[in-house]
Amino acid sequence: MISSVAVVAVMTPFDVVSTRLYNQPVDGAGKGQLYGGLADCLVKIWQQEGPLALYKGLGPAYLRLGPHTILSMLFWDELRKLAMRGQHQDT
């Protein structure tokens, strides 16, 4: 559960920035009209809305990434045990 919180804390700002970049209007050439790129979007959000704006959607992000992280760690551990068993049987 703790690792899920860490994953969400690190990933949510990138999710917010990528969502803003994808949803911005574009001109005829396909260039974004609001942000010049990842860094520009990050700085504008920080300056205009404050650092907590990067954590909008934290709850839904945890509900999405929490189970994924927990299951990934569980499956990784079980696969590692299975591989160790296979190595011991070969010797």
PDB file of N, CA and C in Angstrom:
ATOM      1  N   MET A   1       0.830  -1.197   0.000  1.00  0.00           N
ATOM      2  CA  MET A   1       0.000   0.000   0.000  1.00  0.00           C
ATOM      3  C   MET A   1       0.875   1.262   0.000  1.00  0.00           C
ATOM      4  N   ILE A   2       1.983   1.216   0.749  1.00  0.00           N
ATOM      5  CA  ILE A   2       2.865   2.386   0.824  1.00  0.00           C
ATOM      6  C   ILE A   2       3.507   2.651  -0.529  1.00  0.00           C
ATOM      7  N   SER A   3       3.908   1.598  -1.218  1.00  0.00           N
ATOM      8  CA  SER A   3       4.521   1.799  -2.535  1.00  0.00           C
ATOM      9  C   SER A   3       3.521   2.409  -3.511  1.00  0.00           C
ATOM     10  N   SER A   4       2.249   2.092  -3.368  1.00  0.00           N
ATOM     11  CA  SER A   4       1.220   2.679  -4.224  1.00  0.00           C
ATOM     12  C   SER A   4       1.119   4.184  -4.003  1.00  0.00           C
ATOM     13  N   VAL A   5       1.226   4.605  -2.742  1.00  0.00           N
ATOM     14  CA  VAL A   5       1.181   6.035  -2.434  1.00  0.00           C
ATOM     15  C   VAL A   5       2.380   6.737  -3.078  1.00  0.00           C
ATOM     16  N   ALA A   6       3.555   6.110  -3.002  1.00  0.00           N
ATOM     17  CA  ALA A   6       4.750   6.706  -3.609  1.00  0.00           C
ATOM     18  C   ALA A   6       4.598   6.818  -5.123  1.00  0.00           C
ATOM     19  N   VAL A   7       4.081   5.777  -5.751  1.00  0.00           N
ATOM     20  CA  VAL A   7       3.890   5.797  -7.203  1.00  0.00           C
ATOM     21  C   VAL A   7       2.924   6.912  -7.593  1.00  0.00           C
ATOM     22  N   VAL A   8       1.830   7.033  -6.876  1.00  0.00           N
ATOM     23  CA  VAL A   8       0.832   8.062  -7.187  1.00  0.00           C
ATOM     24  C   VAL A   8       1.402   9.461  -6.959  1.00  0.00           C
ATOM     25  N   ALA A   9       2.176   9.634  -5.893  1.00  0.00           N
ATOM     26  CA  ALA A   9       2.767  10.945  -5.604  1.00  0.00           C
ATOM     27  C   ALA A   9       3.729  11.384  -6.701  1.00  0.00           C
ATOM     28  N   VAL A  10       4.434  10.427  -7.289  1.00  0.00           N
ATOM     29  CA  VAL A  10       5.389  10.758  -8.348  1.00  0.00           C
ATOM     30  C   VAL A  10       4.698  10.895  -9.709  1.00  0.00           C
ATOM     31  N   MET A  11       3.718  10.071  -9.986  1.00  0.00           N
ATOM     32  CA  MET A  11       3.116  10.022 -11.316  1.00  0.00           C
ATOM     33  C   MET A  11       2.015  11.063 -11.553  1.00  0.00           C
ATOM     34  N   THR A  12       1.295  11.475 -10.510  1.00  0.00           N
ATOM     35  CA  THR A  12       0.167  12.377 -10.705  1.00  0.00           C
ATOM     36  C   THR A  12       0.545  13.689 -11.391  1.00  0.00           C
ATOM     37  N   PRO A  13       1.634  14.372 -11.007  1.00  0.00           N
ATOM     38  CA  PRO A  13       1.976  15.598 -11.732  1.00  0.00           C
ATOM     39  C   PRO A  13       2.190  15.364 -13.233  1.00  0.00           C
ATOM     40  N   PHE A  14       2.806  14.256 -13.596  1.00  0.00           N
ATOM     41  CA  PHE A  14       3.011  13.952 -15.015  1.00  0.00           C
ATOM     42  C   PHE A  14       1.685  13.649 -15.713  1.00  0.00           C
ATOM     43  N   ASP A  15       0.773  13.006 -15.011  1.00  0.00           N
ATOM     44  CA  ASP A  15      -0.562  12.759 -15.576  1.00  0.00           C
ATOM     45  C   ASP A  15      -1.308  14.069 -15.815  1.00  0.00           C
ATOM     46  N   VAL A  16      -1.223  14.993 -14.852  1.00  0.00           N
ATOM     47  CA  VAL A  16      -1.897  16.289 -14.995  1.00  0.00           C
ATOM     48  C   VAL A  16      -1.322  17.047 -16.185  1.00  0.00           C
ATOM     49  N   VAL A  17       0.010  17.101 -16.270  1.00  0.00           N
ATOM     50  CA  VAL A  17       0.660  17.826 -17.368  1.00  0.00           C
ATOM     51  C   VAL A  17       0.320  17.186 -18.712  1.00  0.00           C
ATOM     52  N   SER A  18       0.394  15.858 -18.799  1.00  0.00           N
ATOM     53  CA  SER A  18       0.104  15.207 -20.082  1.00  0.00           C
ATOM     54  C   SER A  18      -1.357  15.406 -20.486  1.00  0.00           C
ATOM     55  N   THR A  19      -2.266  15.389 -19.519  1.00  0.00           N
ATOM     56  CA  THR A  19      -3.673  15.633 -19.828  1.00  0.00           C
ATOM     57  C   THR A  19      -3.875  17.043 -20.356  1.00  0.00           C
ATOM     58  N   ARG A  20      -3.217  18.014 -19.727  1.00  0.00           N
ATOM     59  CA  ARG A  20      -3.319  19.396 -20.201  1.00  0.00           C
ATOM     60  C   ARG A  20      -2.759  19.537 -21.610  1.00  0.00           C
ATOM     61  N   LEU A  21      -1.636  18.879 -21.877  1.00  0.00           N
ATOM     62  CA  LEU A  21      -1.029  18.968 -23.209  1.00  0.00           C
ATOM     63  C   LEU A  21      -1.920  18.334 -24.268  1.00  0.00           C
ATOM     64  N   TYR A  22      -2.495  17.181 -23.955  1.00  0.00           N
ATOM     65  CA  TYR A  22      -3.350  16.487 -24.925  1.00  0.00           C
ATOM     66  C   TYR A  22      -4.653  17.233 -25.192  1.00  0.00           C
ATOM     67  N   ASN A  23      -5.176  17.912 -24.185  1.00  0.00           N
ATOM     68  CA  ASN A  23      -6.485  18.552 -24.312  1.00  0.00           C
ATOM     69  C   ASN A  23      -6.432  20.004 -24.763  1.00  0.00           C
ATOM     70  N   GLN A  24      -5.243  20.558 -24.958  1.00  0.00           N
ATOM     71  CA  GLN A  24      -5.157  21.956 -25.386  1.00  0.00           C
ATOM     72  C   GLN A  24      -5.577  22.100 -26.849  1.00  0.00           C
ATOM     73  N   PRO A  25      -6.119  23.255 -27.202  1.00  0.00           N
ATOM     74  CA  PRO A  25      -6.462  23.483 -28.618  1.00  0.00           C
ATOM     75  C   PRO A  25      -5.184  23.605 -29.455  1.00  0.00           C
ATOM     76  N   VAL A  26      -5.294  23.250 -30.715  1.00  0.00           N
ATOM     77  CA  VAL A  26      -4.146  23.330 -31.618  1.00  0.00           C
ATOM     78  C   VAL A  26      -4.482  24.235 -32.796  1.00  0.00           C
ATOM     79  N   ASP A  27      -3.431  24.788 -33.396  1.00  0.00           N
ATOM     80  CA  ASP A  27      -3.635  25.639 -34.569  1.00  0.00           C
ATOM     81  C   ASP A  27      -3.682  24.773 -35.825  1.00  0.00           C
ATOM     82  N   GLY A  28      -3.713  25.392 -36.971  1.00  0.00           N
ATOM     83  CA  GLY A  28      -3.804  24.672 -38.242  1.00  0.00           C
ATOM     84  C   GLY A  28      -2.626  23.750 -38.501  1.00  0.00           C
ATOM     85  N   ALA A  29      -1.465  24.078 -37.939  1.00  0.00           N
ATOM     86  CA  ALA A  29      -0.265  23.254 -38.126  1.00  0.00           C
ATOM     87  C   ALA A  29      -0.171  22.131 -37.094  1.00  0.00           C
ATOM     88  N   GLY A  30      -1.133  22.088 -36.176  1.00  0.00           N
ATOM     89  CA  GLY A  30      -1.124  21.046 -35.162  1.00  0.00           C
ATOM     90  C   GLY A  30      -0.302  21.396 -33.931  1.00  0.00           C
ATOM     91  N   LYS A  31       0.110  22.654 -33.831  1.00  0.00           N
ATOM     92  CA  LYS A  31       0.902  23.101 -32.684  1.00  0.00           C
ATOM     93  C   LYS A  31      -0.031  23.566 -31.576  1.00  0.00           C
ATOM     94  N   GLY A  32       0.287  23.196 -30.342  1.00  0.00           N
ATOM     95  CA  GLY A  32      -0.521  23.594 -29.202  1.00  0.00           C
ATOM     96  C   GLY A  32      -0.559  25.104 -29.019  1.00  0.00           C
ATOM     97  N   GLN A  33      -1.720  25.617 -28.647  1.00  0.00           N
ATOM     98  CA  GLN A  33      -1.882  27.062 -28.497  1.00  0.00           C
ATOM     99  C   GLN A  33      -1.639  27.548 -27.065  1.00  0.00           C
ATOM    100  N   LEU A  34      -1.690  26.654 -26.089  1.00  0.00           N
ATOM    101  CA  LEU A  34      -1.540  27.078 -24.698  1.00  0.00           C
ATOM    102  C   LEU A  34      -0.145  26.824 -24.135  1.00  0.00           C
ATOM    103  N   TYR A  35       0.449  25.708 -24.517  1.00  0.00           N
ATOM    104  CA  TYR A  35       1.724  25.308 -23.928  1.00  0.00           C
ATOM    105  C   TYR A  35       2.734  24.977 -25.028  1.00  0.00           C
ATOM    106  N   GLY A  36       3.990  25.302 -24.752  1.00  0.00           N
ATOM    107  CA  GLY A  36       5.051  25.025 -25.713  1.00  0.00           C
ATOM    108  C   GLY A  36       5.655  23.644 -25.556  1.00  0.00           C
ATOM    109  N   GLY A  37       5.298  22.950 -24.515  1.00  0.00           N
ATOM    110  CA  GLY A  37       5.838  21.624 -24.274  1.00  0.00           C
ATOM    111  C   GLY A  37       5.687  21.243 -22.805  1.00  0.00           C
ATOM    112  N   LEU A  38       6.337  20.173 -22.415  1.00  0.00           N
ATOM    113  CA  LEU A  38       6.217  19.635 -21.064  1.00  0.00           C
ATOM    114  C   LEU A  38       6.661  20.646 -20.010  1.00  0.00           C
ATOM    115  N   ALA A  39       7.857  21.194 -20.167  1.00  0.00           N
ATOM    116  CA  ALA A  39       8.389  22.126 -19.172  1.00  0.00           C
ATOM    117  C   ALA A  39       7.541  23.397 -19.099  1.00  0.00           C
ATOM    118  N   ASP A  40       7.135  23.914 -20.245  1.00  0.00           N
ATOM    119  CA  ASP A  40       6.311  25.124 -20.273  1.00  0.00           C
ATOM    120  C   ASP A  40       4.991  24.889 -19.550  1.00  0.00           C
ATOM    121  N   CYS A  41       4.378  23.765 -19.789  1.00  0.00           N
ATOM    122  CA  CYS A  41       3.113  23.425 -19.142  1.00  0.00           C
ATOM    123  C   CYS A  41       3.304  23.313 -17.630  1.00  0.00           C
ATOM    124  N   LEU A  42       4.338  22.642 -17.207  1.00  0.00           N
ATOM    125  CA  LEU A  42       4.632  22.474 -15.785  1.00  0.00           C
ATOM    126  C   LEU A  42       4.824  23.828 -15.099  1.00  0.00           C
ATOM    127  N   VAL A  43       5.604  24.693 -15.701  1.00  0.00           N
ATOM    128  CA  VAL A  43       5.872  26.019 -15.128  1.00  0.00           C
ATOM    129  C   VAL A  43       4.598  26.856 -15.081  1.00  0.00           C
ATOM    130  N   LYS A  44       3.810  26.833 -16.134  1.00  0.00           N
ATOM    131  CA  LYS A  44       2.579  27.634 -16.161  1.00  0.00           C
ATOM    132  C   LYS A  44       1.579  27.163 -15.110  1.00  0.00           C
ATOM    133  N   ILE A  45       1.430  25.862 -14.953  1.00  0.00           N
ATOM    134  CA  ILE A  45       0.531  25.347 -13.917  1.00  0.00           C
ATOM    135  C   ILE A  45       1.027  25.787 -12.545  1.00  0.00           C
ATOM    136  N   TRP A  46       2.314  25.632 -12.292  1.00  0.00           N
ATOM    137  CA  TRP A  46       2.916  25.989 -10.999  1.00  0.00           C
ATOM    138  C   TRP A  46       2.704  27.477 -10.701  1.00  0.00           C
ATOM    139  N   GLN A  47       2.954  28.333 -11.689  1.00  0.00           N
ATOM    140  CA  GLN A  47       2.854  29.774 -11.481  1.00  0.00           C
ATOM    141  C   GLN A  47       1.416  30.268 -11.391  1.00  0.00           C
ATOM    142  N   GLN A  48       0.538  29.755 -12.219  1.00  0.00           N
ATOM    143  CA  GLN A  48      -0.830  30.275 -12.292  1.00  0.00           C
ATOM    144  C   GLN A  48      -1.772  29.646 -11.267  1.00  0.00           C
ATOM    145  N   GLU A  49      -1.552  28.359 -10.949  1.00  0.00           N
ATOM    146  CA  GLU A  49      -2.495  27.661 -10.075  1.00  0.00           C
ATOM    147  C   GLU A  49      -1.872  27.183  -8.773  1.00  0.00           C
ATOM    148  N   GLY A  50      -0.551  27.227  -8.689  1.00  0.00           N
ATOM    149  CA  GLY A  50       0.130  26.767  -7.486  1.00  0.00           C
ATOM    150  C   GLY A  50       0.544  25.311  -7.603  1.00  0.00           C
ATOM    151  N   PRO A  51       1.473  24.879  -6.758  1.00  0.00           N
ATOM    152  CA  PRO A  51       2.003  23.513  -6.851  1.00  0.00           C
ATOM    153  C   PRO A  51       0.965  22.419  -6.582  1.00  0.00           C
ATOM    154  N   LEU A  52      -0.033  22.711  -5.765  1.00  0.00           N
ATOM    155  CA  LEU A  52      -1.050  21.677  -5.478  1.00  0.00           C
ATOM    156  C   LEU A  52      -1.905  21.353  -6.692  1.00  0.00           C
ATOM    157  N   ALA A  53      -1.923  22.234  -7.682  1.00  0.00           N
ATOM    158  CA  ALA A  53      -2.685  21.962  -8.906  1.00  0.00           C
ATOM    159  C   ALA A  53      -2.116  20.753  -9.643  1.00  0.00           C
ATOM    160  N   LEU A  54      -0.850  20.446  -9.414  1.00  0.00           N
ATOM    161  CA  LEU A  54      -0.240  19.285 -10.056  1.00  0.00           C
ATOM    162  C   LEU A  54      -0.772  17.969  -9.486  1.00  0.00           C
ATOM    163  N   TYR A  55      -1.481  18.068  -8.363  1.00  0.00           N
ATOM    164  CA  TYR A  55      -2.029  16.869  -7.734  1.00  0.00           C
ATOM    165  C   TYR A  55      -3.544  16.783  -7.854  1.00  0.00           C
ATOM    166  N   LYS A  56      -4.110  17.487  -8.841  1.00  0.00           N
ATOM    167  CA  LYS A  56      -5.538  17.350  -9.097  1.00  0.00           C
ATOM    168  C   LYS A  56      -5.803  15.918  -9.550  1.00  0.00           C
ATOM    169  N   GLY A  57      -6.836  15.323  -9.008  1.00  0.00           N
ATOM    170  CA  GLY A  57      -7.157  13.954  -9.384  1.00  0.00           C
ATOM    171  C   GLY A  57      -6.344  12.923  -8.631  1.00  0.00           C
ATOM    172  N   LEU A  58      -5.811  13.289  -7.471  1.00  0.00           N
ATOM    173  CA  LEU A  58      -4.986  12.368  -6.690  1.00  0.00           C
ATOM    174  C   LEU A  58      -5.773  11.122  -6.257  1.00  0.00           C
ATOM    175  N   GLY A  59      -7.014  11.329  -5.819  1.00  0.00           N
ATOM    176  CA  GLY A  59      -7.842  10.198  -5.380  1.00  0.00           C
ATOM    177  C   GLY A  59      -8.111   9.199  -6.494  1.00  0.00           C
ATOM    178  N   PRO A  60      -8.636   9.661  -7.639  1.00  0.00           N
ATOM    179  CA  PRO A  60      -8.847   8.719  -8.735  1.00  0.00           C
ATOM    180  C   PRO A  60      -7.551   8.074  -9.238  1.00  0.00           C
ATOM    181  N   ALA A  61      -6.456   8.827  -9.178  1.00  0.00           N
ATOM    182  CA  ALA A  61      -5.169   8.249  -9.596  1.00  0.00           C
ATOM    183  C   ALA A  61      -4.776   7.111  -8.667  1.00  0.00           C
ATOM    184  N   TYR A  62      -5.024   7.287  -7.366  1.00  0.00           N
ATOM    185  CA  TYR A  62      -4.710   6.206  -6.424  1.00  0.00           C
ATOM    186  C   TYR A  62      -5.607   5.000  -6.672  1.00  0.00           C
ATOM    187  N   LEU A  63      -6.874   5.253  -6.946  1.00  0.00           N
ATOM    188  CA  LEU A  63      -7.787   4.131  -7.211  1.00  0.00           C
ATOM    189  C   LEU A  63      -7.404   3.382  -8.485  1.00  0.00           C
ATOM    190  N   ARG A  64      -6.735   4.074  -9.416  1.00  0.00           N
ATOM    191  CA  ARG A  64      -6.297   3.438 -10.653  1.00  0.00           C
ATOM    192  C   ARG A  64      -4.934   2.760 -10.472  1.00  0.00           C
ATOM    193  N   LEU A  65      -3.976   3.484  -9.901  1.00  0.00           N
ATOM    194  CA  LEU A  65      -2.612   2.971  -9.792  1.00  0.00           C
ATOM    195  C   LEU A  65      -2.376   2.101  -8.563  1.00  0.00           C
ATOM    196  N   GLY A  66      -3.161   2.303  -7.512  1.00  0.00           N
ATOM    197  CA  GLY A  66      -2.987   1.515  -6.288  1.00  0.00           C
ATOM    198  C   GLY A  66      -3.101   0.017  -6.537  1.00  0.00           C
ATOM    199  N   PRO A  67      -4.225  -0.454  -7.041  1.00  0.00           N
ATOM    200  CA  PRO A  67      -4.351  -1.888  -7.301  1.00  0.00           C
ATOM    201  C   PRO A  67      -3.327  -2.394  -8.323  1.00  0.00           C
ATOM    202  N   HIS A  68      -3.024  -1.582  -9.322  1.00  0.00           N
ATOM    203  CA  HIS A  68      -2.038  -1.982 -10.323  1.00  0.00           C
ATOM    204  C   HIS A  68      -0.676  -2.216  -9.683  1.00  0.00           C
ATOM    205  N   THR A  69      -0.252  -1.306  -8.811  1.00  0.00           N
ATOM    206  CA  THR A  69       1.045  -1.440  -8.147  1.00  0.00           C
ATOM    207  C   THR A  69       1.063  -2.646  -7.224  1.00  0.00           C
ATOM    208  N   ILE A  70       0.005  -2.821  -6.457  1.00  0.00           N
ATOM    209  CA  ILE A  70      -0.060  -3.948  -5.526  1.00  0.00           C
ATOM    210  C   ILE A  70      -0.017  -5.270  -6.284  1.00  0.00           C
ATOM    211  N   LEU A  71      -0.815  -5.384  -7.339  1.00  0.00           N
ATOM    212  CA  LEU A  71      -0.830  -6.629  -8.114  1.00  0.00           C
ATOM    213  C   LEU A  71       0.495  -6.865  -8.837  1.00  0.00           C
ATOM    214  N   SER A  72       1.103  -5.808  -9.343  1.00  0.00           N
ATOM    215  CA  SER A  72       2.395  -5.952 -10.016  1.00  0.00           C
ATOM    216  C   SER A  72       3.439  -6.497  -9.060  1.00  0.00           C
ATOM    217  N   MET A  73       3.487  -5.953  -7.857  1.00  0.00           N
ATOM    218  CA  MET A  73       4.459  -6.433  -6.868  1.00  0.00           C
ATOM    219  C   MET A  73       4.166  -7.872  -6.451  1.00  0.00           C
ATOM    220  N   LEU A  74       2.901  -8.200  -6.300  1.00  0.00           N
ATOM    221  CA  LEU A  74       2.524  -9.563  -5.928  1.00  0.00           C
ATOM    222  C   LEU A  74       2.937 -10.553  -7.015  1.00  0.00           C
ATOM    223  N   PHE A  75       2.615 -10.245  -8.272  1.00  0.00           N
ATOM    224  CA  PHE A  75       2.967 -11.141  -9.369  1.00  0.00           C
ATOM    225  C   PHE A  75       4.478 -11.238  -9.546  1.00  0.00           C
ATOM    226  N   TRP A  76       5.187 -10.120  -9.392  1.00  0.00           N
ATOM    227  CA  TRP A  76       6.647 -10.129  -9.510  1.00  0.00           C
ATOM    228  C   TRP A  76       7.250 -11.054  -8.452  1.00  0.00           C
ATOM    229  N   ASP A  77       6.751 -10.963  -7.229  1.00  0.00           N
ATOM    230  CA  ASP A  77       7.264 -11.801  -6.151  1.00  0.00           C
ATOM    231  C   ASP A  77       6.985 -13.277  -6.425  1.00  0.00           C
ATOM    232  N   GLU A  78       5.792 -13.587  -6.911  1.00  0.00           N
ATOM    233  CA  GLU A  78       5.455 -14.982  -7.202  1.00  0.00           C
ATOM    234  C   GLU A  78       6.282 -15.519  -8.375  1.00  0.00           C
ATOM    235  N   LEU A  79       6.493 -14.696  -9.406  1.00  0.00           N
ATOM    236  CA  LEU A  79       7.328 -15.129 -10.529  1.00  0.00           C
ATOM    237  C   LEU A  79       8.777 -15.348 -10.102  1.00  0.00           C
ATOM    238  N   ARG A  80       9.264 -14.498  -9.202  1.00  0.00           N
ATOM    239  CA  ARG A  80      10.629 -14.651  -8.685  1.00  0.00           C
ATOM    240  C   ARG A  80      10.748 -15.962  -7.909  1.00  0.00           C
ATOM    241  N   LYS A  81       9.757 -16.278  -7.075  1.00  0.00           N
ATOM    242  CA  LYS A  81       9.765 -17.544  -6.328  1.00  0.00           C
ATOM    243  C   LYS A  81       9.750 -18.733  -7.290  1.00  0.00           C
ATOM    244  N   LEU A  82       8.935 -18.646  -8.332  1.00  0.00           N
ATOM    245  CA  LEU A  82       8.848 -19.711  -9.324  1.00  0.00           C
ATOM    246  C   LEU A  82      10.182 -19.897 -10.043  1.00  0.00           C
ATOM    247  N   ALA A  83      10.833 -18.816 -10.397  1.00  0.00           N
ATOM    248  CA  ALA A  83      12.136 -18.894 -11.061  1.00  0.00           C
ATOM    249  C   ALA A  83      13.184 -19.488 -10.134  1.00  0.00           C
ATOM    250  N   MET A  84      13.152 -19.143  -8.870  1.00  0.00           N
ATOM    251  CA  MET A  84      14.114 -19.691  -7.897  1.00  0.00           C
ATOM    252  C   MET A  84      13.901 -21.201  -7.737  1.00  0.00           C
ATOM    253  N   ARG A  85      12.639 -21.621  -7.697  1.00  0.00           N
ATOM    254  CA  ARG A  85      12.334 -23.039  -7.600  1.00  0.00           C
ATOM    255  C   ARG A  85      12.862 -23.797  -8.811  1.00  0.00           C
ATOM    256  N   GLY A  86      12.707 -23.177  -9.999  1.00  0.00           N
ATOM    257  CA  GLY A  86      13.191 -23.796 -11.220  1.00  0.00           C
ATOM    258  C   GLY A  86      14.708 -23.907 -11.235  1.00  0.00           C
ATOM    259  N   GLN A  87      15.408 -22.922 -10.712  1.00  0.00           N
ATOM    260  CA  GLN A  87      16.864 -22.960 -10.645  1.00  0.00           C
ATOM    261  C   GLN A  87      17.343 -24.027  -9.685  1.00  0.00           C
ATOM    262  N   HIS A  88      16.665 -24.207  -8.577  1.00  0.00           N
ATOM    263  CA  HIS A  88      17.055 -25.215  -7.578  1.00  0.00           C
ATOM    264  C   HIS A  88      16.794 -26.631  -8.106  1.00  0.00           C
ATOM    265  N   GLN A  89      15.791 -26.804  -8.950  1.00  0.00           N
ATOM    266  CA  GLN A  89      15.497 -28.121  -9.498  1.00  0.00           C
ATOM    267  C   GLN A  89      16.516 -28.519 -10.551  1.00  0.00           C
ATOM    268  N   ASP A  90      17.118 -27.527 -11.223  1.00  0.00           N
ATOM    269  CA  ASP A  90      18.109 -27.804 -12.272  1.00  0.00           C
ATOM    270  C   ASP A  90      19.426 -28.279 -11.689  1.00  0.00           C
ATOM    271  N   THR A  91      19.720 -27.955 -10.437  1.00  0.00           N
ATOM    272  CA  THR A  91      21.012 -28.337  -9.872  1.00  0.00           C
ATOM    273  C   THR A  91      20.977 -29.663  -9.190  1.00  0.00           C
TER     274      THR A  91
END
